Amino acid sequence: MADTRVALVGACGRMGTLIVRRVLATEGMTISAAFDIVNVGKDIGEVAGVGGIGVPVSDPKNLAEVLKSSGTEVLVDFTVAPATAANAPVAAAAGVNLVIDTTGLSAEQRTSITEAVARNKVAAVISSNYSIGVGVFFKLIKNAAAYLGDDYDVEIIEAHHNQKKDAPSGTAMTAAEIISKEMGGKDLVCGRNGVCPRGKEIGIHSIRGGDIVGDHTVMFVGNSERIEIRHQAHSREIFVGGAVMAAKWVVSQKKGVVYDMTDVLQ
């Protein structure tokens, strides 16, 4: 069986180079193309520190052409919302499956990508977090919310490094949406200021500092007791493993469908 041919957008960034190394170390997978606005023309293997692999970094302006000529099967995107919103429909139109970890996508951007996936009959995994541990974290908070219900107030605290652009994190928002659904629908309040008596909302709070990879804590607070469920990322490697798993998985799935990491882990 031929290797799964993987391309990356944002290939020269921190996550991009980690994914390049992981793909090359994974049996049955290979790097077919790489895209970034820096290091154009350089070998992505050299950029990632693994030695030349014969795949140059291409300008994203040439995305469709390079994806088609390289025989790419799946594009992995760990960039920013405006870039993802522009590139994902182009990749889908080229017949390439998608793995997207970009957070901060608006509802309109998400809809545009979903429609492109359906229209071009490709498959996609779109997730706010590719950590296998976070997948378990989501299951735990869903079960807790179902048991505890309205008798408990819910607060979510997330912390990330000082270079993260969006807040709250996509993982925190996914956690809030899971809990809200289990509890019959809740307002989501991001931070508080001034006179703001607590109601039945879910509070979400963001911390930015230093090199924190990613911490998420959900607090279920009742009278005389508190339950906390926490996930802490110690290294970006945890996201890399899940993303590469998703890239290998998505190429064989039903086309025209958007999946999430929960589907990959089933």
Protein backbone atom coordinates (compact mmCIF):
# COMPACT_ATOMS: atom_id res chain seq x y z
CA MET A 1 0.00 0.00 0.00
CA ALA A 2 1.32 3.44 -0.93
CA ASP A 3 2.21 5.92 1.78
CA THR A 4 -0.38 8.55 2.73
CA ARG A 5 0.80 11.80 1.13
CA VAL A 6 0.58 14.70 3.59
CA ALA A 7 1.02 18.43 3.00
CA LEU A 8 1.24 21.18 5.61
CA VAL A 9 0.28 24.84 5.68
CA GLY A 10 2.40 26.76 8.16
CA ALA A 11 5.06 24.10 7.73
CA CYS A 12 7.91 26.23 9.07
CA GLY A 13 6.23 27.17 12.35
CA ARG A 14 6.67 25.46 15.71
CA MET A 15 3.84 23.02 15.17
CA GLY A 16 4.57 22.62 11.48
CA THR A 17 8.14 21.42 11.95
CA LEU A 18 7.06 19.04 14.71
CA ILE A 19 4.44 17.54 12.40
CA VAL A 20 6.98 17.19 9.58
CA ARG A 21 9.25 15.20 11.87
CA ARG A 22 6.41 13.03 13.17
CA VAL A 23 5.02 12.26 9.71
CA LEU A 24 8.46 11.25 8.44
CA ALA A 25 8.89 8.98 11.47
CA THR A 26 5.47 7.33 10.98
CA GLU A 27 5.28 4.19 8.89
CA GLY A 28 2.96 4.53 5.91
CA MET A 29 3.13 8.33 5.70
CA THR A 30 5.25 10.84 3.81
CA ILE A 31 5.49 14.59 3.27
CA SER A 32 4.36 15.52 -0.25
CA ALA A 33 4.28 19.33 -0.02
CA ALA A 34 4.89 22.17 2.41
CA PHE A 35 3.59 25.75 2.42
CA ASP A 36 4.62 28.86 4.30
CA ILE A 37 5.25 32.55 3.72
CA VAL A 38 8.84 32.15 4.97
CA ASN A 39 11.69 29.91 3.75
CA VAL A 40 10.09 29.58 0.31
CA GLY A 41 12.27 27.36 -1.88
CA LYS A 42 14.13 25.76 1.03
CA ASP A 43 13.84 22.02 1.65
CA ILE A 44 11.27 21.48 4.43
CA GLY A 45 13.34 18.61 5.81
CA GLU A 46 16.27 20.98 6.28
CA VAL A 47 13.98 23.57 7.92
CA ALA A 48 12.62 20.89 10.28
CA GLY A 49 16.13 19.71 11.15
CA VAL A 50 15.90 16.21 9.70
CA GLY A 51 17.94 16.70 6.53
CA GLY A 52 16.84 17.15 2.94
CA ILE A 53 13.80 15.19 1.75
CA GLY A 54 13.41 16.78 -1.69
CA VAL A 55 10.28 18.77 -0.83
CA PRO A 56 10.65 22.55 -1.15
CA VAL A 57 8.60 25.05 0.82
CA SER A 58 6.03 26.61 -1.53
CA ASP A 59 4.19 29.91 -1.35
CA PRO A 60 0.53 29.41 -0.31
CA LYS A 61 -0.43 31.45 -3.38
CA ASN A 62 0.41 28.32 -5.38
CA LEU A 63 -1.57 25.99 -3.11
CA ALA A 64 -3.92 24.41 -5.66
CA GLU A 65 -1.23 23.86 -8.29
CA VAL A 66 1.27 22.28 -5.89
CA LEU A 67 -1.33 20.08 -4.16
CA LYS A 68 -2.41 18.63 -7.48
CA SER A 69 1.08 18.15 -8.92
CA SER A 70 2.37 16.50 -5.71
CA GLY A 71 -0.48 14.01 -5.44
CA THR A 72 -1.30 15.20 -1.92
CA GLU A 73 -4.13 13.32 -0.17
CA VAL A 74 -4.50 15.35 3.03
CA LEU A 75 -3.59 18.90 4.04
CA VAL A 76 -2.81 19.66 7.69
CA ASP A 77 -3.42 23.27 8.73
CA PHE A 78 -2.17 24.67 12.07
CA THR A 79 -2.19 28.35 11.12
CA VAL A 80 -4.56 31.25 11.89
CA ALA A 81 -8.23 31.75 11.05
CA PRO A 82 -7.88 34.14 8.06
CA ALA A 83 -5.31 31.86 6.38
CA THR A 84 -7.33 28.71 7.04
CA ALA A 85 -10.53 30.32 5.78
CA ALA A 86 -8.76 31.18 2.52
CA ASN A 87 -6.78 27.97 2.02
CA ALA A 88 -9.19 25.22 3.11
CA PRO A 89 -11.75 25.77 0.31
CA VAL A 90 -8.92 25.87 -2.25
CA ALA A 91 -7.55 22.56 -0.98
CA ALA A 92 -11.01 20.99 -0.96
CA ALA A 93 -11.57 22.13 -4.56
CA ALA A 94 -8.29 20.38 -5.43
CA GLY A 95 -9.73 17.12 -4.05
CA VAL A 96 -7.57 17.14 -0.91
CA ASN A 97 -8.85 16.02 2.50
CA LEU A 98 -8.34 18.35 5.46
CA VAL A 99 -7.09 18.27 9.06
CA ILE A 100 -7.64 21.67 10.68
CA ASP A 101 -6.56 22.73 14.16
CA THR A 102 -7.00 26.48 13.69
CA THR A 103 -8.93 28.15 16.49
CA GLY A 104 -10.81 31.41 16.29
CA LEU A 105 -12.75 30.52 13.12
CA SER A 106 -15.96 32.54 12.90
CA ALA A 107 -19.29 30.84 12.27
CA GLU A 108 -19.20 32.16 8.70
CA GLN A 109 -15.68 30.82 8.11
CA ARG A 110 -16.59 27.44 9.56
CA THR A 111 -19.70 27.27 7.34
CA SER A 112 -17.65 28.16 4.25
CA ILE A 113 -15.22 25.32 4.96
CA THR A 114 -18.00 22.83 5.69
CA GLU A 115 -19.76 23.73 2.45
CA ALA A 116 -16.51 23.33 0.49
CA VAL A 117 -15.97 19.88 2.01
CA ALA A 118 -19.48 18.78 1.02
CA ARG A 119 -19.39 20.37 -2.44
CA ASN A 120 -16.03 18.83 -3.38
CA LYS A 121 -16.67 15.45 -1.76
CA VAL A 122 -13.61 15.37 0.47
CA ALA A 123 -13.42 14.54 4.18
CA ALA A 124 -12.21 16.81 6.99
CA VAL A 125 -11.33 16.65 10.65
CA ILE A 126 -11.81 20.00 12.39
CA SER A 127 -10.99 20.06 16.08
CA SER A 128 -10.05 22.67 18.66
CA ASN A 129 -7.55 20.25 20.19
CA TYR A 130 -5.83 17.13 18.85
CA SER A 131 -4.59 15.81 22.19
CA ILE A 132 -5.84 12.30 22.97
CA GLY A 133 -5.97 13.32 26.64
CA VAL A 134 -8.23 16.27 25.82
CA GLY A 135 -10.58 13.85 24.08
CA VAL A 136 -10.89 11.99 27.38
CA PHE A 137 -11.22 15.34 29.23
CA PHE A 138 -14.23 16.21 27.03
CA LYS A 139 -15.87 12.89 27.84
CA LEU A 140 -15.33 13.39 31.58
CA ILE A 141 -16.85 16.88 31.68
CA LYS A 142 -19.80 15.73 29.59
CA ASN A 143 -20.55 12.95 32.08
CA ALA A 144 -20.08 15.28 35.06
CA ALA A 145 -22.44 17.87 33.58
CA ALA A 146 -25.09 15.21 32.98
CA TYR A 147 -24.93 14.05 36.59
CA LEU A 148 -24.61 17.43 38.33
CA GLY A 149 -27.04 19.60 36.37
CA ASP A 150 -28.24 23.01 37.51
CA ASP A 151 -27.35 22.45 41.16
CA TYR A 152 -23.72 23.32 40.34
CA ASP A 153 -22.20 26.50 38.95
CA VAL A 154 -19.69 26.00 36.14
CA GLU A 155 -16.50 28.01 35.63
CA ILE A 156 -13.79 27.31 33.03
CA ILE A 157 -10.23 28.60 33.36
CA GLU A 158 -7.73 28.29 30.51
CA ALA A 159 -4.07 29.35 30.40
CA HIS A 160 -1.73 29.61 27.42
CA HIS A 161 1.59 31.17 26.40
CA ASN A 162 1.92 34.89 25.85
CA GLN A 163 2.03 34.57 22.04
CA LYS A 164 -1.44 33.05 21.65
CA LYS A 165 -3.60 35.44 19.68
CA ASP A 166 -7.16 34.34 20.40
CA ALA A 167 -9.06 34.14 23.67
CA PRO A 168 -10.81 32.18 25.00
CA SER A 169 -9.07 29.13 23.59
CA GLY A 170 -10.94 26.88 21.18
CA THR A 171 -10.64 24.05 23.69
CA ALA A 172 -12.28 26.15 26.42
CA MET A 173 -15.12 27.08 24.07
CA THR A 174 -15.62 23.44 23.07
CA ALA A 175 -15.74 22.48 26.75
CA ALA A 176 -18.33 25.19 27.43
CA GLU A 177 -20.45 24.08 24.49
CA ILE A 178 -20.36 20.43 25.64
CA ILE A 179 -21.44 21.38 29.15
CA SER A 180 -24.10 23.82 27.95
CA LYS A 181 -25.66 21.17 25.74
CA GLU A 182 -25.78 18.65 28.60
CA MET A 183 -27.38 21.24 30.89
CA GLY A 184 -30.05 22.31 28.43
CA GLY A 185 -28.44 25.50 27.15
CA LYS A 186 -26.46 28.14 29.04
CA ASP A 187 -25.20 31.62 28.34
CA LEU A 188 -21.42 31.83 28.00
CA VAL A 189 -19.72 34.77 29.73
CA CYS A 190 -16.06 35.52 28.97
CA GLY A 191 -14.60 37.18 32.06
CA ARG A 192 -16.48 39.50 34.39
CA ASN A 193 -16.15 43.15 35.30
CA GLY A 194 -18.10 45.60 37.39
CA VAL A 195 -21.49 44.67 38.84
CA CYS A 196 -22.19 41.17 37.56
CA PRO A 197 -24.17 38.95 39.93
CA ARG A 198 -23.86 35.30 39.04
CA GLY A 199 -26.74 33.64 37.26
CA LYS A 200 -26.87 30.29 35.48
CA GLU A 201 -24.15 31.18 32.98
CA ILE A 202 -20.92 29.33 32.30
CA GLY A 203 -17.99 31.64 33.08
CA ILE A 204 -14.86 31.39 30.93
CA HIS A 205 -11.58 33.01 32.00
CA SER A 206 -8.31 33.34 30.04
CA ILE A 207 -4.75 33.62 31.32
CA ARG A 208 -1.80 34.45 29.05
CA GLY A 209 1.80 34.22 30.21
CA GLY A 210 5.27 32.87 29.56
CA ASP A 211 5.49 29.56 27.74
CA ILE A 212 2.40 27.77 29.08
CA VAL A 213 1.55 25.13 26.46
CA GLY A 214 -2.09 24.80 27.47
CA ASP A 215 -4.00 24.28 30.74
CA HIS A 216 -7.77 23.82 30.99
CA THR A 217 -9.75 23.49 34.22
CA VAL A 218 -13.49 23.02 34.55
CA MET A 219 -14.93 23.73 37.99
CA PHE A 220 -18.36 22.40 39.02
CA VAL A 221 -19.09 24.37 42.20
CA GLY A 222 -21.94 23.42 44.53
CA ASN A 223 -22.82 24.23 48.10
CA SER A 224 -20.08 22.90 50.39
CA GLU A 225 -18.15 21.10 47.64
CA ARG A 226 -16.31 21.61 44.36
CA ILE A 227 -15.30 19.21 41.60
CA GLU A 228 -12.43 20.18 39.30
CA ILE A 229 -11.51 18.37 36.10
CA ARG A 230 -8.20 19.50 34.62
CA HIS A 231 -6.02 18.83 31.62
CA GLN A 232 -2.48 20.20 31.41
CA ALA A 233 -0.34 19.98 28.28
CA HIS A 234 3.37 19.64 29.04
CA SER A 235 4.54 19.62 25.42
CA ARG A 236 3.19 20.44 21.96
CA GLU A 237 4.05 16.85 21.02
CA ILE A 238 0.65 15.75 22.36
CA PHE A 239 -1.09 17.78 19.64
CA VAL A 240 1.27 16.47 16.96
CA GLY A 241 0.47 12.82 17.65
CA GLY A 242 -3.26 13.38 17.41
CA ALA A 243 -2.99 15.46 14.24
CA VAL A 244 -0.90 12.83 12.47
CA MET A 245 -3.35 10.14 13.62
CA ALA A 246 -6.21 12.22 12.19
CA ALA A 247 -4.36 12.75 8.89
CA LYS A 248 -3.89 9.01 8.41
CA TRP A 249 -7.49 8.31 9.43
CA VAL A 250 -9.36 10.91 7.39
CA VAL A 251 -8.26 9.75 3.93
CA SER A 252 -10.29 6.55 4.25
CA GLN A 253 -13.47 8.10 5.67
CA LYS A 254 -16.80 8.87 4.00
CA LYS A 255 -16.46 11.95 1.82
CA GLY A 256 -18.42 15.18 2.15
CA VAL A 257 -18.38 14.93 5.95
CA VAL A 258 -16.69 17.04 8.65
CA TYR A 259 -15.50 14.98 11.61
CA ASP A 260 -13.90 15.94 14.93
CA MET A 261 -11.26 14.33 17.12
CA THR A 262 -13.91 12.37 19.02
CA ASP A 263 -14.66 10.49 15.80
CA VAL A 264 -10.97 9.74 15.25
CA LEU A 265 -10.61 8.31 18.76
CA GLN A 266 -13.64 6.01 18.60
